[in-house]
Amino acid sequence: MKIFGKHVFPRQIVLFSSGLLFLAATTYDVHRSIKNNQTPPSKEQLQALEDYIKSVRRPP
């Protein structure tokens, strides 16, 4: 197969496509994480976190 006048194997196309898909998924995940971290946690979330930490902590 020729693309831009150069011979390209189908395996190269698949490798390039999978790399592009990986880059897009990683970029989407990073932006989603940034967006989710812009809002501060609610009082209920903080209380649930404190309760979890207390339940996991070993007694002295």
C-alpha atoms as a PDB file:
ATOM      1  CA  MET A   1       0.000   0.000   0.000  1.00  0.00           C
ATOM      2  CA  LYS A   2       1.340   3.453  -0.850  1.00  0.00           C
ATOM      3  CA  ILE A   3       0.701   6.532   1.272  1.00  0.00           C
ATOM      4  CA  PHE A   4       2.282   9.845   0.217  1.00  0.00           C
ATOM      5  CA  GLY A   5       4.351   7.942  -2.336  1.00  0.00           C
ATOM      6  CA  LYS A   6       5.956   5.608   0.212  1.00  0.00           C
ATOM      7  CA  HIS A   7       5.263   1.928   0.670  1.00  0.00           C
ATOM      8  CA  VAL A   8       3.555   1.296   4.035  1.00  0.00           C
ATOM      9  CA  PHE A   9       2.787  -2.098   5.506  1.00  0.00           C
ATOM     10  CA  PRO A  10      -0.610  -2.716   7.135  1.00  0.00           C
ATOM     11  CA  ARG A  11       1.165  -3.599  10.396  1.00  0.00           C
ATOM     12  CA  GLN A  12       2.653  -0.090  10.471  1.00  0.00           C
ATOM     13  CA  ILE A  13      -0.806   1.417  10.066  1.00  0.00           C
ATOM     14  CA  VAL A  14      -2.163  -0.686  12.907  1.00  0.00           C
ATOM     15  CA  LEU A  15       0.775   0.237  15.153  1.00  0.00           C
ATOM     16  CA  PHE A  16       0.397   3.948  14.401  1.00  0.00           C
ATOM     17  CA  SER A  17      -3.381   3.803  14.965  1.00  0.00           C
ATOM     18  CA  SER A  18      -3.031   2.010  18.296  1.00  0.00           C
ATOM     19  CA  GLY A  19      -0.415   4.541  19.439  1.00  0.00           C
ATOM     20  CA  LEU A  20      -2.708   7.402  18.474  1.00  0.00           C
ATOM     21  CA  LEU A  21      -5.614   5.760  20.316  1.00  0.00           C
ATOM     22  CA  PHE A  22      -3.445   5.306  23.428  1.00  0.00           C
ATOM     23  CA  LEU A  23      -2.376   8.968  23.319  1.00  0.00           C
ATOM     24  CA  ALA A  24      -5.974  10.142  22.923  1.00  0.00           C
ATOM     25  CA  ALA A  25      -7.235   7.958  25.788  1.00  0.00           C
ATOM     26  CA  THR A  26      -4.435   9.114  28.088  1.00  0.00           C
ATOM     27  CA  THR A  27      -5.054  12.778  27.228  1.00  0.00           C
ATOM     28  CA  TYR A  28      -8.785  12.366  27.848  1.00  0.00           C
ATOM     29  CA  ASP A  29      -8.145  10.692  31.210  1.00  0.00           C
ATOM     30  CA  VAL A  30      -5.755  13.438  32.349  1.00  0.00           C
ATOM     31  CA  HIS A  31      -8.187  16.196  31.424  1.00  0.00           C
ATOM     32  CA  ARG A  32     -11.060  14.340  33.099  1.00  0.00           C
ATOM     33  CA  SER A  33      -9.016  13.988  36.294  1.00  0.00           C
ATOM     34  CA  ILE A  34      -8.112  17.682  36.269  1.00  0.00           C
ATOM     35  CA  LYS A  35     -11.758  18.648  35.753  1.00  0.00           C
ATOM     36  CA  ASN A  36     -12.920  16.388  38.604  1.00  0.00           C
ATOM     37  CA  ASN A  37     -10.310  17.801  40.980  1.00  0.00           C
ATOM     38  CA  GLN A  38     -11.356  21.414  40.433  1.00  0.00           C
ATOM     39  CA  THR A  39     -14.363  21.109  42.740  1.00  0.00           C
ATOM     40  CA  PRO A  40     -13.595  20.782  46.452  1.00  0.00           C
ATOM     41  CA  PRO A  41     -14.900  17.706  48.298  1.00  0.00           C
ATOM     42  CA  SER A  42     -18.244  18.013  50.056  1.00  0.00           C
ATOM     43  CA  LYS A  43     -18.691  17.661  53.816  1.00  0.00           C
ATOM     44  CA  GLU A  44     -20.184  14.197  53.316  1.00  0.00           C
ATOM     45  CA  GLN A  45     -17.166  13.088  51.292  1.00  0.00           C
ATOM     46  CA  LEU A  46     -14.746  14.404  53.914  1.00  0.00           C
ATOM     47  CA  GLN A  47     -16.699  12.660  56.672  1.00  0.00           C
ATOM     48  CA  ALA A  48     -16.726   9.390  54.733  1.00  0.00           C
ATOM     49  CA  LEU A  49     -12.956   9.672  54.217  1.00  0.00           C
ATOM     50  CA  GLU A  50     -12.351  10.320  57.919  1.00  0.00           C
ATOM     51  CA  ASP A  51     -14.575   7.363  58.851  1.00  0.00           C
ATOM     52  CA  TYR A  52     -12.665   5.121  56.459  1.00  0.00           C
ATOM     53  CA  ILE A  53      -9.303   6.241  57.823  1.00  0.00           C
ATOM     54  CA  LYS A  54     -10.487   5.567  61.380  1.00  0.00           C
ATOM     55  CA  SER A  55     -11.742   2.088  60.423  1.00  0.00           C
ATOM     56  CA  VAL A  56      -8.460   1.152  58.728  1.00  0.00           C
ATOM     57  CA  ARG A  57      -6.168   2.546  61.423  1.00  0.00           C
ATOM     58  CA  ARG A  58      -4.866  -0.022  63.877  1.00  0.00           C
ATOM     59  CA  PRO A  59      -5.658   0.476  67.545  1.00  0.00           C
ATOM     60  CA  PRO A  60      -2.588   1.521  69.613  1.00  0.00           C
END
